[in-house]
Amino acid sequence: MRLLLDLVTLIRALASDRARLALENAALRQQLNVLQRNAKRPRITDDDRLFWVLISRLFEEWKEHLVLVKPETVIRWHRQGFRYYWRWKSRAKPGRPPIPMEFIHLIPRLSTENVLWGAPRIRSELALLGHDVAESTIAKYMVKPKRSEPSQSWRTFLANHISVSAACDFFTVPTLTFQFLYVFVVLSHDRRRILHVNVTRHPTAEWTAQQLTEAFPGDAPIPRLLHRDRDSIYGEVVRKRIAALGMKEVVNAKQSPWQNPFVERAIGSIRRECTDHIVALGENHLRTVLRDYFEYYNRSRCHMALDGNAPIPRAVERGPGPVRAVPFLGGLHHRYSRAA
């Protein structure tokens, strides 16, 4: 290597009385070697930079014999070498610490097996498996991009009565024969737990009153407040049944579904995560599917409003065991836990 030959010449010159002349010759010879390279514009290599950094430390008149580059360039090379040296000396790896390979493989698996999940849901699921991973890291390794969810806007009244209140509402699901089935849902505001669900083709006030009786049996705690809208199905029979159960009605203002946000959000989740992905064949089929989903919803689904836990709380599982998946709704959703 040309640099080693130049350095050998330099060392020999230092041992003699003609040190100054030898350094000058070495500097001129090195520049001549650069100019003799087969290129229109000779490229300065790292060996050349190292040579001139050493010459600048040993030869006081080095600036007078430098013609290829400016002296400021050599000074910059020296400072850059100083940074490289201390980076190597400290052995400090820049950037954040790498995440384990288990996460890199597990995050795409969760996002692939649960196409409706976003980064917050996956983060909560990983937290229940004993892993604390940032949402930005999850979004980086997800197969699908993170989906934003609409935020809740009306909470003032419910925040003061959430532990003693519930809500009910209807929504419709089209069938294979282009008919409509009516789904009645009763939701407890305390931990967003679904208390009761049933399906009918022809809802009546008597049928609705019977559903409320089944949702709040005698041995279960009865909430003090029941939120509902102004649907005409909540007739005199329903109002008497609510009073007989020891509850007080809280009726929304006209055309104000945002005044009953918890049950509206729950119905939105049911649509996005369940009924939008099936074709209802009839009452029994839809009832079976919904009860399977509500088993997942109450015991497994992570809620951001519940600190990433389920309505029926799940314990955090820590340990080295492999992660196993329990499918719901034919694999549309999964629950993950540590294998014993």
C-alpha atoms as a PDB file:
ATOM      1  CA  MET A   1       0.000   0.000   0.000  1.00  0.00           C
ATOM      2  CA  ARG A   2       1.321   3.405  -0.979  1.00  0.00           C
ATOM      3  CA  LEU A   3       0.567   4.881   2.435  1.00  0.00           C
ATOM      4  CA  LEU A   4       2.771   2.367   4.243  1.00  0.00           C
ATOM      5  CA  LEU A   5       5.675   3.102   1.931  1.00  0.00           C
ATOM      6  CA  ASP A   6       5.287   6.811   2.595  1.00  0.00           C
ATOM      7  CA  LEU A   7       5.136   6.195   6.353  1.00  0.00           C
ATOM      8  CA  VAL A   8       8.278   4.053   6.243  1.00  0.00           C
ATOM      9  CA  THR A   9      10.062   6.854   4.401  1.00  0.00           C
ATOM     10  CA  LEU A  10       8.821   9.277   7.004  1.00  0.00           C
ATOM     11  CA  ILE A  11      10.095   7.176   9.924  1.00  0.00           C
ATOM     12  CA  ARG A  12      13.521   6.804   8.336  1.00  0.00           C
ATOM     13  CA  ALA A  13      13.714  10.526   7.763  1.00  0.00           C
ATOM     14  CA  LEU A  14      12.882  11.290  11.372  1.00  0.00           C
ATOM     15  CA  ALA A  15      15.852   9.247  12.516  1.00  0.00           C
ATOM     16  CA  SER A  16      18.260  11.426  10.484  1.00  0.00           C
ATOM     17  CA  ASP A  17      19.260  15.063  10.607  1.00  0.00           C
ATOM     18  CA  ARG A  18      17.403  15.781   7.416  1.00  0.00           C
ATOM     19  CA  ALA A  19      13.962  15.346   9.027  1.00  0.00           C
ATOM     20  CA  ARG A  20      12.542  18.547   7.667  1.00  0.00           C
ATOM     21  CA  LEU A  21      13.594  17.799   4.112  1.00  0.00           C
ATOM     22  CA  ALA A  22      12.264  14.256   4.360  1.00  0.00           C
ATOM     23  CA  LEU A  23       8.866  15.461   5.571  1.00  0.00           C
ATOM     24  CA  GLU A  24       8.677  17.949   2.744  1.00  0.00           C
ATOM     25  CA  ASN A  25       9.557  15.255   0.206  1.00  0.00           C
ATOM     26  CA  ALA A  26       7.012  12.870   1.703  1.00  0.00           C
ATOM     27  CA  ALA A  27       4.284  15.513   1.448  1.00  0.00           C
ATOM     28  CA  LEU A  28       5.104  16.326  -2.170  1.00  0.00           C
ATOM     29  CA  ARG A  29       5.437  12.654  -3.105  1.00  0.00           C
ATOM     30  CA  GLN A  30       2.073  11.807  -1.587  1.00  0.00           C
ATOM     31  CA  GLN A  31       0.348  14.548  -3.564  1.00  0.00           C
ATOM     32  CA  LEU A  32       2.098  13.405  -6.719  1.00  0.00           C
ATOM     33  CA  ASN A  33       0.804   9.888  -6.159  1.00  0.00           C
ATOM     34  CA  VAL A  34      -2.732  11.235  -5.840  1.00  0.00           C
ATOM     35  CA  LEU A  35      -2.438  13.173  -9.092  1.00  0.00           C
ATOM     36  CA  GLN A  36      -1.084  10.119 -10.948  1.00  0.00           C
ATOM     37  CA  ARG A  37      -4.244   8.091 -10.281  1.00  0.00           C
ATOM     38  CA  ASN A  38      -6.252   7.197 -13.373  1.00  0.00           C
ATOM     39  CA  ALA A  39      -9.102   9.646 -12.935  1.00  0.00           C
ATOM     40  CA  LYS A  40     -10.035  13.046 -14.286  1.00  0.00           C
ATOM     41  CA  ARG A  41     -10.515  14.264 -10.758  1.00  0.00           C
ATOM     42  CA  PRO A  42      -8.423  12.261  -8.275  1.00  0.00           C
ATOM     43  CA  ARG A  43     -10.409  11.059  -5.315  1.00  0.00           C
ATOM     44  CA  ILE A  44      -9.093  11.647  -1.818  1.00  0.00           C
ATOM     45  CA  THR A  45      -9.164   8.376   0.137  1.00  0.00           C
ATOM     46  CA  ASP A  46      -9.170   7.745   3.875  1.00  0.00           C
ATOM     47  CA  ASP A  47      -5.479   6.792   3.652  1.00  0.00           C
ATOM     48  CA  ASP A  48      -4.707  10.203   2.155  1.00  0.00           C
ATOM     49  CA  ARG A  49      -6.615  11.958   4.898  1.00  0.00           C
ATOM     50  CA  LEU A  50      -4.804   9.978   7.583  1.00  0.00           C
ATOM     51  CA  PHE A  51      -1.441  10.813   6.010  1.00  0.00           C
ATOM     52  CA  TRP A  52      -2.123  14.546   6.049  1.00  0.00           C
ATOM     53  CA  VAL A  53      -3.462  14.478   9.579  1.00  0.00           C
ATOM     54  CA  LEU A  54      -0.170  12.887  10.713  1.00  0.00           C
ATOM     55  CA  ILE A  55       1.936  15.304   8.627  1.00  0.00           C
ATOM     56  CA  SER A  56       0.100  18.279  10.129  1.00  0.00           C
ATOM     57  CA  ARG A  57       1.091  17.065  13.593  1.00  0.00           C
ATOM     58  CA  LEU A  58       4.788  16.531  12.712  1.00  0.00           C
ATOM     59  CA  PHE A  59       5.616  19.161  10.094  1.00  0.00           C
ATOM     60  CA  GLU A  60       5.160  22.818  11.024  1.00  0.00           C
ATOM     61  CA  GLU A  61       5.400  24.082   7.428  1.00  0.00           C
ATOM     62  CA  TRP A  62       2.953  21.585   5.992  1.00  0.00           C
ATOM     63  CA  LYS A  63       0.546  24.296   4.793  1.00  0.00           C
ATOM     64  CA  GLU A  64       3.160  25.741   2.418  1.00  0.00           C
ATOM     65  CA  HIS A  65       3.502  22.447   0.546  1.00  0.00           C
ATOM     66  CA  LEU A  66      -0.194  21.529   0.351  1.00  0.00           C
ATOM     67  CA  VAL A  67      -1.752  22.159  -3.081  1.00  0.00           C
ATOM     68  CA  LEU A  68      -4.424  19.490  -3.504  1.00  0.00           C
ATOM     69  CA  VAL A  69      -6.812  20.756  -0.825  1.00  0.00           C
ATOM     70  CA  LYS A  70      -7.136  23.698   1.494  1.00  0.00           C
ATOM     71  CA  PRO A  71      -5.543  23.588   4.951  1.00  0.00           C
ATOM     72  CA  GLU A  72      -9.023  23.962   6.475  1.00  0.00           C
ATOM     73  CA  THR A  73      -9.924  20.667   4.845  1.00  0.00           C
ATOM     74  CA  VAL A  74      -7.086  18.871   6.639  1.00  0.00           C
ATOM     75  CA  ILE A  75      -8.178  20.425   9.926  1.00  0.00           C
ATOM     76  CA  ARG A  76     -11.702  19.172   9.287  1.00  0.00           C
ATOM     77  CA  TRP A  77     -10.318  15.681   8.610  1.00  0.00           C
ATOM     78  CA  HIS A  78      -8.512  15.804  11.928  1.00  0.00           C
ATOM     79  CA  ARG A  79     -11.653  16.776  13.820  1.00  0.00           C
ATOM     80  CA  GLN A  80     -13.625  14.039  12.094  1.00  0.00           C
ATOM     81  CA  GLY A  81     -10.935  11.524  13.033  1.00  0.00           C
ATOM     82  CA  PHE A  82     -11.172  12.775  16.619  1.00  0.00           C
ATOM     83  CA  ARG A  83     -14.903  12.044  16.647  1.00  0.00           C
ATOM     84  CA  TYR A  84     -14.393   8.591  15.121  1.00  0.00           C
ATOM     85  CA  TYR A  85     -11.723   7.777  17.675  1.00  0.00           C
ATOM     86  CA  TRP A  86     -13.820   8.632  20.694  1.00  0.00           C
ATOM     87  CA  ARG A  87     -16.875   6.911  19.268  1.00  0.00           C
ATOM     88  CA  TRP A  88     -14.794   3.774  18.934  1.00  0.00           C
ATOM     89  CA  LYS A  89     -13.288   4.345  22.387  1.00  0.00           C
ATOM     90  CA  SER A  90     -16.652   4.645  24.139  1.00  0.00           C
ATOM     91  CA  ARG A  91     -18.233   1.753  22.213  1.00  0.00           C
ATOM     92  CA  ALA A  92     -21.597   3.552  22.547  1.00  0.00           C
ATOM     93  CA  LYS A  93     -24.127   2.307  20.027  1.00  0.00           C
ATOM     94  CA  PRO A  94     -26.269   5.262  18.901  1.00  0.00           C
ATOM     95  CA  GLY A  95     -30.051   5.129  18.793  1.00  0.00           C
ATOM     96  CA  ARG A  96     -32.636   3.230  20.795  1.00  0.00           C
ATOM     97  CA  PRO A  97     -31.917  -0.291  22.061  1.00  0.00           C
ATOM     98  CA  PRO A  98     -33.191  -2.969  19.681  1.00  0.00           C
ATOM     99  CA  ILE A  99     -36.399  -4.789  20.545  1.00  0.00           C
ATOM    100  CA  PRO A 100     -36.316  -8.586  20.908  1.00  0.00           C
ATOM    101  CA  MET A 101     -36.910 -10.680  17.806  1.00  0.00           C
ATOM    102  CA  GLU A 102     -39.984 -12.141  19.543  1.00  0.00           C
ATOM    103  CA  PHE A 103     -41.741  -8.784  19.141  1.00  0.00           C
ATOM    104  CA  ILE A 104     -40.689  -8.411  15.518  1.00  0.00           C
ATOM    105  CA  HIS A 105     -42.361 -11.744  14.706  1.00  0.00           C
ATOM    106  CA  LEU A 106     -45.312 -11.404  17.105  1.00  0.00           C
ATOM    107  CA  ILE A 107     -46.540  -7.953  16.014  1.00  0.00           C
ATOM    108  CA  PRO A 108     -47.063  -8.906  12.330  1.00  0.00           C
ATOM    109  CA  ARG A 109     -48.749 -12.101  13.496  1.00  0.00           C
ATOM    110  CA  LEU A 110     -51.257 -10.206  15.633  1.00  0.00           C
ATOM    111  CA  SER A 111     -51.978  -7.642  12.917  1.00  0.00           C
ATOM    112  CA  THR A 112     -52.385 -10.366  10.267  1.00  0.00           C
ATOM    113  CA  GLU A 113     -54.666 -12.585  12.351  1.00  0.00           C
ATOM    114  CA  ASN A 114     -56.779  -9.593  13.444  1.00  0.00           C
ATOM    115  CA  VAL A 115     -57.245  -7.361  10.438  1.00  0.00           C
ATOM    116  CA  LEU A 116     -59.528  -4.981  12.348  1.00  0.00           C
ATOM    117  CA  TRP A 117     -57.007  -4.231  15.084  1.00  0.00           C
ATOM    118  CA  GLY A 118     -54.924  -1.085  15.265  1.00  0.00           C
ATOM    119  CA  ALA A 119     -51.720  -0.299  17.119  1.00  0.00           C
ATOM    120  CA  PRO A 120     -53.476   0.654  20.434  1.00  0.00           C
ATOM    121  CA  ARG A 121     -55.337  -2.683  20.524  1.00  0.00           C
ATOM    122  CA  ILE A 122     -52.171  -4.672  19.754  1.00  0.00           C
ATOM    123  CA  ARG A 123     -50.235  -2.713  22.380  1.00  0.00           C
ATOM    124  CA  SER A 124     -52.849  -3.560  25.005  1.00  0.00           C
ATOM    125  CA  GLU A 125     -52.760  -7.234  24.008  1.00  0.00           C
ATOM    126  CA  LEU A 126     -48.964  -7.290  24.295  1.00  0.00           C
ATOM    127  CA  ALA A 127     -49.163  -5.544  27.673  1.00  0.00           C
ATOM    128  CA  LEU A 128     -51.396  -8.345  28.946  1.00  0.00           C
ATOM    129  CA  LEU A 129     -48.698 -10.777  27.789  1.00  0.00           C
ATOM    130  CA  GLY A 130     -46.075  -8.920  29.818  1.00  0.00           C
ATOM    131  CA  HIS A 131     -44.584  -6.857  26.966  1.00  0.00           C
ATOM    132  CA  ASP A 132     -44.329  -3.054  27.092  1.00  0.00           C
ATOM    133  CA  VAL A 133     -43.942  -1.857  23.498  1.00  0.00           C
ATOM    134  CA  ALA A 134     -44.508   1.654  22.180  1.00  0.00           C
ATOM    135  CA  GLU A 135     -47.317   2.236  19.679  1.00  0.00           C
ATOM    136  CA  SER A 136     -44.798   3.725  17.218  1.00  0.00           C
ATOM    137  CA  THR A 137     -42.825   0.484  17.300  1.00  0.00           C
ATOM    138  CA  ILE A 138     -45.992  -1.554  16.769  1.00  0.00           C
ATOM    139  CA  ALA A 139     -47.030   0.660  13.837  1.00  0.00           C
ATOM    140  CA  LYS A 140     -43.578   0.117  12.301  1.00  0.00           C
ATOM    141  CA  TYR A 141     -43.872  -3.679  12.267  1.00  0.00           C
ATOM    142  CA  MET A 142     -47.621  -3.989  11.615  1.00  0.00           C
ATOM    143  CA  VAL A 143     -48.768  -5.483   8.349  1.00  0.00           C
ATOM    144  CA  LYS A 144     -51.621  -2.970   8.196  1.00  0.00           C
ATOM    145  CA  PRO A 145     -51.283   0.746   9.064  1.00  0.00           C
ATOM    146  CA  LYS A 146     -52.750   2.057  12.264  1.00  0.00           C
ATOM    147  CA  ARG A 147     -56.434   3.033  12.019  1.00  0.00           C
ATOM    148  CA  SER A 148     -57.687   6.037  13.947  1.00  0.00           C
ATOM    149  CA  GLU A 149     -60.818   5.688  16.031  1.00  0.00           C
ATOM    150  CA  PRO A 150     -63.335   8.506  16.704  1.00  0.00           C
ATOM    151  CA  SER A 151     -63.035   9.941  20.188  1.00  0.00           C
ATOM    152  CA  GLN A 152     -65.865  10.233  22.658  1.00  0.00           C
ATOM    153  CA  SER A 153     -67.293  13.736  22.990  1.00  0.00           C
ATOM    154  CA  TRP A 154     -70.110  13.663  25.608  1.00  0.00           C
ATOM    155  CA  ARG A 155     -69.164  12.451  29.096  1.00  0.00           C
ATOM    156  CA  THR A 156     -70.144  15.037  31.681  1.00  0.00           C
ATOM    157  CA  PHE A 157     -73.258  13.415  33.087  1.00  0.00           C
ATOM    158  CA  LEU A 158     -72.052   9.824  32.723  1.00  0.00           C
ATOM    159  CA  ALA A 159     -68.736  10.577  34.413  1.00  0.00           C
ATOM    160  CA  ASN A 160     -70.622  11.356  37.630  1.00  0.00           C
ATOM    161  CA  HIS A 161     -72.970   8.352  37.452  1.00  0.00           C
ATOM    162  CA  ILE A 162     -71.005   5.755  35.500  1.00  0.00           C
ATOM    163  CA  SER A 163     -70.884   3.157  38.245  1.00  0.00           C
ATOM    164  CA  VAL A 164     -74.663   3.121  38.749  1.00  0.00           C
ATOM    165  CA  SER A 165     -75.918   3.521  35.189  1.00  0.00           C
ATOM    166  CA  ALA A 166     -76.644   1.359  32.146  1.00  0.00           C
ATOM    167  CA  ALA A 167     -77.935   1.918  28.632  1.00  0.00           C
ATOM    168  CA  CYS A 168     -79.994   0.074  26.038  1.00  0.00           C
ATOM    169  CA  ASP A 169     -80.544   0.489  22.333  1.00  0.00           C
ATOM    170  CA  PHE A 170     -81.611  -1.251  19.116  1.00  0.00           C
ATOM    171  CA  PHE A 171     -79.746  -1.674  15.859  1.00  0.00           C
ATOM    172  CA  THR A 172     -80.601  -3.542  12.672  1.00  0.00           C
ATOM    173  CA  VAL A 173     -78.785  -6.226  10.697  1.00  0.00           C
ATOM    174  CA  PRO A 174     -79.770  -7.176   7.103  1.00  0.00           C
ATOM    175  CA  THR A 175     -80.334 -10.847   6.341  1.00  0.00           C
ATOM    176  CA  LEU A 176     -79.586 -13.044   3.350  1.00  0.00           C
ATOM    177  CA  THR A 177     -83.138 -12.503   2.057  1.00  0.00           C
ATOM    178  CA  PHE A 178     -82.846  -8.677   2.311  1.00  0.00           C
ATOM    179  CA  GLN A 179     -84.983  -8.497   5.456  1.00  0.00           C
ATOM    180  CA  PHE A 180     -84.008  -6.826   8.717  1.00  0.00           C
ATOM    181  CA  LEU A 181     -83.377  -8.326  12.142  1.00  0.00           C
ATOM    182  CA  TYR A 182     -83.513  -6.129  15.232  1.00  0.00           C
ATOM    183  CA  VAL A 183     -80.823  -6.547  17.883  1.00  0.00           C
ATOM    184  CA  PHE A 184     -81.442  -5.287  21.420  1.00  0.00           C
ATOM    185  CA  VAL A 185     -78.355  -4.571  23.543  1.00  0.00           C
ATOM    186  CA  VAL A 186     -78.081  -3.688  27.223  1.00  0.00           C
ATOM    187  CA  LEU A 187     -74.718  -2.231  28.276  1.00  0.00           C
ATOM    188  CA  SER A 188     -73.421  -1.579  31.780  1.00  0.00           C
ATOM    189  CA  HIS A 189     -71.451   1.666  31.932  1.00  0.00           C
ATOM    190  CA  ASP A 190     -69.318   0.217  34.686  1.00  0.00           C
ATOM    191  CA  ARG A 191     -66.401  -1.312  32.669  1.00  0.00           C
ATOM    192  CA  ARG A 192     -68.486  -1.253  29.432  1.00  0.00           C
ATOM    193  CA  ARG A 193     -69.750  -4.800  29.973  1.00  0.00           C
ATOM    194  CA  ILE A 194     -72.562  -6.094  27.734  1.00  0.00           C
ATOM    195  CA  LEU A 195     -75.232  -7.503  30.033  1.00  0.00           C
ATOM    196  CA  HIS A 196     -77.741  -8.863  27.538  1.00  0.00           C
ATOM    197  CA  VAL A 197     -78.376  -9.279  23.813  1.00  0.00           C
ATOM    198  CA  ASN A 198     -81.237 -10.782  21.837  1.00  0.00           C
ATOM    199  CA  VAL A 199     -82.572 -10.800  18.275  1.00  0.00           C
ATOM    200  CA  THR A 200     -86.091 -10.563  16.852  1.00  0.00           C
ATOM    201  CA  ARG A 201     -87.829  -9.885  13.562  1.00  0.00           C
ATOM    202  CA  HIS A 202     -90.743  -7.991  15.102  1.00  0.00           C
ATOM    203  CA  PRO A 203     -89.817  -5.963  18.195  1.00  0.00           C
ATOM    204  CA  THR A 204     -92.670  -4.933  20.465  1.00  0.00           C
ATOM    205  CA  ALA A 205     -92.924  -3.125  23.768  1.00  0.00           C
ATOM    206  CA  GLU A 206     -93.811  -6.398  25.538  1.00  0.00           C
ATOM    207  CA  TRP A 207     -90.784  -8.147  24.039  1.00  0.00           C
ATOM    208  CA  THR A 208     -88.508  -5.244  25.039  1.00  0.00           C
ATOM    209  CA  ALA A 209     -89.811  -5.280  28.597  1.00  0.00           C
ATOM    210  CA  GLN A 210     -89.098  -9.024  28.821  1.00  0.00           C
ATOM    211  CA  GLN A 211     -85.512  -8.409  27.647  1.00  0.00           C
ATOM    212  CA  LEU A 212     -84.977  -5.895  30.439  1.00  0.00           C
ATOM    213  CA  THR A 213     -86.215  -8.453  32.957  1.00  0.00           C
ATOM    214  CA  GLU A 214     -83.725 -11.004  31.602  1.00  0.00           C
ATOM    215  CA  ALA A 215     -80.910  -8.427  31.604  1.00  0.00           C
ATOM    216  CA  PHE A 216     -81.463  -7.593  35.292  1.00  0.00           C
ATOM    217  CA  PRO A 217     -82.488 -10.776  37.139  1.00  0.00           C
ATOM    218  CA  GLY A 218     -83.364 -10.647  40.795  1.00  0.00           C
ATOM    219  CA  ASP A 219     -79.987 -11.832  42.070  1.00  0.00           C
ATOM    220  CA  ALA A 220     -77.993  -9.284  39.983  1.00  0.00           C
ATOM    221  CA  PRO A 221     -77.210  -5.698  41.059  1.00  0.00           C
ATOM    222  CA  ILE A 222     -79.654  -3.227  39.525  1.00  0.00           C
ATOM    223  CA  PRO A 223     -78.310   0.115  38.231  1.00  0.00           C
ATOM    224  CA  ARG A 224     -80.096   3.241  39.355  1.00  0.00           C
ATOM    225  CA  LEU A 225     -80.218   4.880  35.916  1.00  0.00           C
ATOM    226  CA  LEU A 226     -81.091   3.479  32.481  1.00  0.00           C
ATOM    227  CA  HIS A 227     -80.274   5.586  29.424  1.00  0.00           C
ATOM    228  CA  ARG A 228     -82.413   5.207  26.308  1.00  0.00           C
ATOM    229  CA  ASP A 229     -83.478   7.159  23.251  1.00  0.00           C
ATOM    230  CA  ARG A 230     -86.941   8.355  22.268  1.00  0.00           C
ATOM    231  CA  ASP A 231     -87.887   5.361  20.120  1.00  0.00           C
ATOM    232  CA  SER A 232     -91.620   4.716  20.217  1.00  0.00           C
ATOM    233  CA  ILE A 233     -91.013   1.081  21.139  1.00  0.00           C
ATOM    234  CA  TYR A 234     -90.294   2.178  24.716  1.00  0.00           C
ATOM    235  CA  GLY A 235     -94.001   2.440  25.473  1.00  0.00           C
ATOM    236  CA  GLU A 236     -95.976   2.321  28.660  1.00  0.00           C
ATOM    237  CA  VAL A 237     -95.197  -1.358  29.247  1.00  0.00           C
ATOM    238  CA  VAL A 238     -91.457  -0.723  29.070  1.00  0.00           C
ATOM    239  CA  ARG A 239     -91.593   2.324  31.312  1.00  0.00           C
ATOM    240  CA  LYS A 240     -93.558   0.417  33.964  1.00  0.00           C
ATOM    241  CA  ARG A 241     -91.083  -2.468  33.801  1.00  0.00           C
ATOM    242  CA  ILE A 242     -88.136  -0.071  34.280  1.00  0.00           C
ATOM    243  CA  ALA A 243     -89.834   1.437  37.326  1.00  0.00           C
ATOM    244  CA  ALA A 244     -90.678  -2.004  38.707  1.00  0.00           C
ATOM    245  CA  LEU A 245     -87.027  -2.978  38.478  1.00  0.00           C
ATOM    246  CA  GLY A 246     -86.121   0.032  40.621  1.00  0.00           C
ATOM    247  CA  MET A 247     -84.471   2.096  37.890  1.00  0.00           C
ATOM    248  CA  LYS A 248     -84.977   5.656  36.688  1.00  0.00           C
ATOM    249  CA  GLU A 249     -85.104   6.496  32.991  1.00  0.00           C
ATOM    250  CA  VAL A 250     -82.724   9.012  31.452  1.00  0.00           C
ATOM    251  CA  VAL A 251     -84.144   9.908  28.043  1.00  0.00           C
ATOM    252  CA  ASN A 252     -82.027  11.518  25.320  1.00  0.00           C
ATOM    253  CA  ALA A 253     -83.033  14.797  23.771  1.00  0.00           C
ATOM    254  CA  LYS A 254     -84.539  14.574  20.290  1.00  0.00           C
ATOM    255  CA  GLN A 255     -82.110  13.558  17.575  1.00  0.00           C
ATOM    256  CA  SER A 256     -79.187  13.468  20.047  1.00  0.00           C
ATOM    257  CA  PRO A 257     -77.570  10.013  19.933  1.00  0.00           C
ATOM    258  CA  TRP A 258     -74.360  11.568  21.255  1.00  0.00           C
ATOM    259  CA  GLN A 259     -76.094  11.848  24.657  1.00  0.00           C
ATOM    260  CA  ASN A 260     -75.892   8.051  24.936  1.00  0.00           C
ATOM    261  CA  PRO A 261     -72.285   7.609  23.746  1.00  0.00           C
ATOM    262  CA  PHE A 262     -71.232   4.371  25.437  1.00  0.00           C
ATOM    263  CA  VAL A 263     -73.898   2.164  23.906  1.00  0.00           C
ATOM    264  CA  GLU A 264     -73.537   3.952  20.553  1.00  0.00           C
ATOM    265  CA  ARG A 265     -69.806   3.229  20.559  1.00  0.00           C
ATOM    266  CA  ALA A 266     -70.470  -0.365  21.560  1.00  0.00           C
ATOM    267  CA  ILE A 267     -72.904  -0.769  18.644  1.00  0.00           C
ATOM    268  CA  GLY A 268     -70.302   0.777  16.341  1.00  0.00           C
ATOM    269  CA  SER A 269     -67.743  -1.781  17.526  1.00  0.00           C
ATOM    270  CA  ILE A 270     -70.254  -4.608  17.017  1.00  0.00           C
ATOM    271  CA  ARG A 271     -70.840  -3.481  13.442  1.00  0.00           C
ATOM    272  CA  ARG A 272     -67.180  -2.963  12.538  1.00  0.00           C
ATOM    273  CA  GLU A 273     -65.886  -6.080  14.243  1.00  0.00           C
ATOM    274  CA  CYS A 274     -68.739  -8.558  13.770  1.00  0.00           C
ATOM    275  CA  THR A 275     -71.932  -7.918  11.784  1.00  0.00           C
ATOM    276  CA  ASP A 276     -70.204  -6.113   8.881  1.00  0.00           C
ATOM    277  CA  HIS A 277     -68.257  -9.330   8.217  1.00  0.00           C
ATOM    278  CA  ILE A 278     -71.089 -11.873   8.177  1.00  0.00           C
ATOM    279  CA  VAL A 279     -74.328 -12.540   6.281  1.00  0.00           C
ATOM    280  CA  ALA A 280     -77.115 -13.272   8.763  1.00  0.00           C
ATOM    281  CA  LEU A 281     -79.096 -16.358   7.746  1.00  0.00           C
ATOM    282  CA  GLY A 282     -81.783 -15.898  10.368  1.00  0.00           C
ATOM    283  CA  GLU A 283     -82.509 -15.116  14.003  1.00  0.00           C
ATOM    284  CA  ASN A 284     -80.800 -18.191  15.436  1.00  0.00           C
ATOM    285  CA  HIS A 285     -77.707 -17.748  13.291  1.00  0.00           C
ATOM    286  CA  LEU A 286     -77.287 -14.064  14.200  1.00  0.00           C
ATOM    287  CA  ARG A 287     -78.011 -14.750  17.873  1.00  0.00           C
ATOM    288  CA  THR A 288     -75.305 -17.446  17.968  1.00  0.00           C
ATOM    289  CA  VAL A 289     -72.753 -15.211  16.251  1.00  0.00           C
ATOM    290  CA  LEU A 290     -73.463 -12.264  18.534  1.00  0.00           C
ATOM    291  CA  ARG A 291     -73.222 -14.328  21.692  1.00  0.00           C
ATOM    292  CA  ASP A 292     -69.848 -15.674  20.520  1.00  0.00           C
ATOM    293  CA  TYR A 293     -68.700 -12.109  19.852  1.00  0.00           C
ATOM    294  CA  PHE A 294     -69.980 -10.840  23.201  1.00  0.00           C
ATOM    295  CA  GLU A 295     -68.087 -13.626  24.978  1.00  0.00           C
ATOM    296  CA  TYR A 296     -64.967 -12.266  23.288  1.00  0.00           C
ATOM    297  CA  TYR A 297     -66.036  -8.653  23.913  1.00  0.00           C
ATOM    298  CA  ASN A 298     -66.537  -9.075  27.660  1.00  0.00           C
ATOM    299  CA  ARG A 299     -63.657 -11.404  28.489  1.00  0.00           C
ATOM    300  CA  SER A 300     -60.941 -10.734  25.910  1.00  0.00           C
ATOM    301  CA  ARG A 301     -61.331  -7.484  23.942  1.00  0.00           C
ATOM    302  CA  CYS A 302     -58.971  -4.698  25.011  1.00  0.00           C
ATOM    303  CA  HIS A 303     -60.552  -1.283  25.647  1.00  0.00           C
ATOM    304  CA  MET A 304     -58.526   1.928  25.642  1.00  0.00           C
ATOM    305  CA  ALA A 305     -60.991   3.430  28.139  1.00  0.00           C
ATOM    306  CA  LEU A 306     -60.222   0.564  30.550  1.00  0.00           C
ATOM    307  CA  ASP A 307     -56.430   1.039  30.501  1.00  0.00           C
ATOM    308  CA  GLY A 308     -56.104  -1.543  27.760  1.00  0.00           C
ATOM    309  CA  ASN A 309     -57.933  -4.302  29.650  1.00  0.00           C
ATOM    310  CA  ALA A 310     -61.194  -6.171  29.043  1.00  0.00           C
ATOM    311  CA  PRO A 311     -64.576  -5.460  30.709  1.00  0.00           C
ATOM    312  CA  ILE A 312     -64.022  -8.605  32.777  1.00  0.00           C
ATOM    313  CA  PRO A 313     -60.403  -7.861  33.735  1.00  0.00           C
ATOM    314  CA  ARG A 314     -57.634 -10.087  32.414  1.00  0.00           C
ATOM    315  CA  ALA A 315     -54.539 -10.761  34.484  1.00  0.00           C
ATOM    316  CA  VAL A 316     -51.151  -9.846  33.028  1.00  0.00           C
ATOM    317  CA  GLU A 317     -49.325 -13.043  32.050  1.00  0.00           C
ATOM    318  CA  ARG A 318     -45.558 -12.973  32.438  1.00  0.00           C
ATOM    319  CA  GLY A 319     -43.124 -15.736  31.755  1.00  0.00           C
ATOM    320  CA  PRO A 320     -41.084 -17.470  29.080  1.00  0.00           C
ATOM    321  CA  GLY A 321     -43.873 -19.694  27.724  1.00  0.00           C
ATOM    322  CA  PRO A 322     -44.882 -19.507  24.046  1.00  0.00           C
ATOM    323  CA  VAL A 323     -47.847 -17.366  23.034  1.00  0.00           C
ATOM    324  CA  ARG A 324     -50.913 -19.308  21.913  1.00  0.00           C
ATOM    325  CA  ALA A 325     -53.983 -17.939  20.128  1.00  0.00           C
ATOM    326  CA  VAL A 326     -57.618 -18.751  20.921  1.00  0.00           C
ATOM    327  CA  PRO A 327     -59.797 -17.875  17.890  1.00  0.00           C
ATOM    328  CA  PHE A 328     -63.230 -16.242  18.090  1.00  0.00           C
ATOM    329  CA  LEU A 329     -65.765 -15.910  15.294  1.00  0.00           C
ATOM    330  CA  GLY A 330     -63.933 -18.373  13.096  1.00  0.00           C
ATOM    331  CA  GLY A 331     -60.612 -16.567  13.504  1.00  0.00           C
ATOM    332  CA  LEU A 332     -61.837 -12.988  12.900  1.00  0.00           C
ATOM    333  CA  HIS A 333     -60.525 -12.150  16.380  1.00  0.00           C
ATOM    334  CA  HIS A 334     -58.145 -13.905  18.749  1.00  0.00           C
ATOM    335  CA  ARG A 335     -57.233 -13.908  22.389  1.00  0.00           C
ATOM    336  CA  TYR A 336     -53.583 -14.466  23.240  1.00  0.00           C
ATOM    337  CA  SER A 337     -52.221 -16.083  26.358  1.00  0.00           C
ATOM    338  CA  ARG A 338     -49.104 -17.792  27.620  1.00  0.00           C
ATOM    339  CA  ALA A 339     -49.056 -21.558  27.240  1.00  0.00           C
ATOM    340  CA  ALA A 340     -48.490 -23.321  30.550  1.00  0.00           C
END
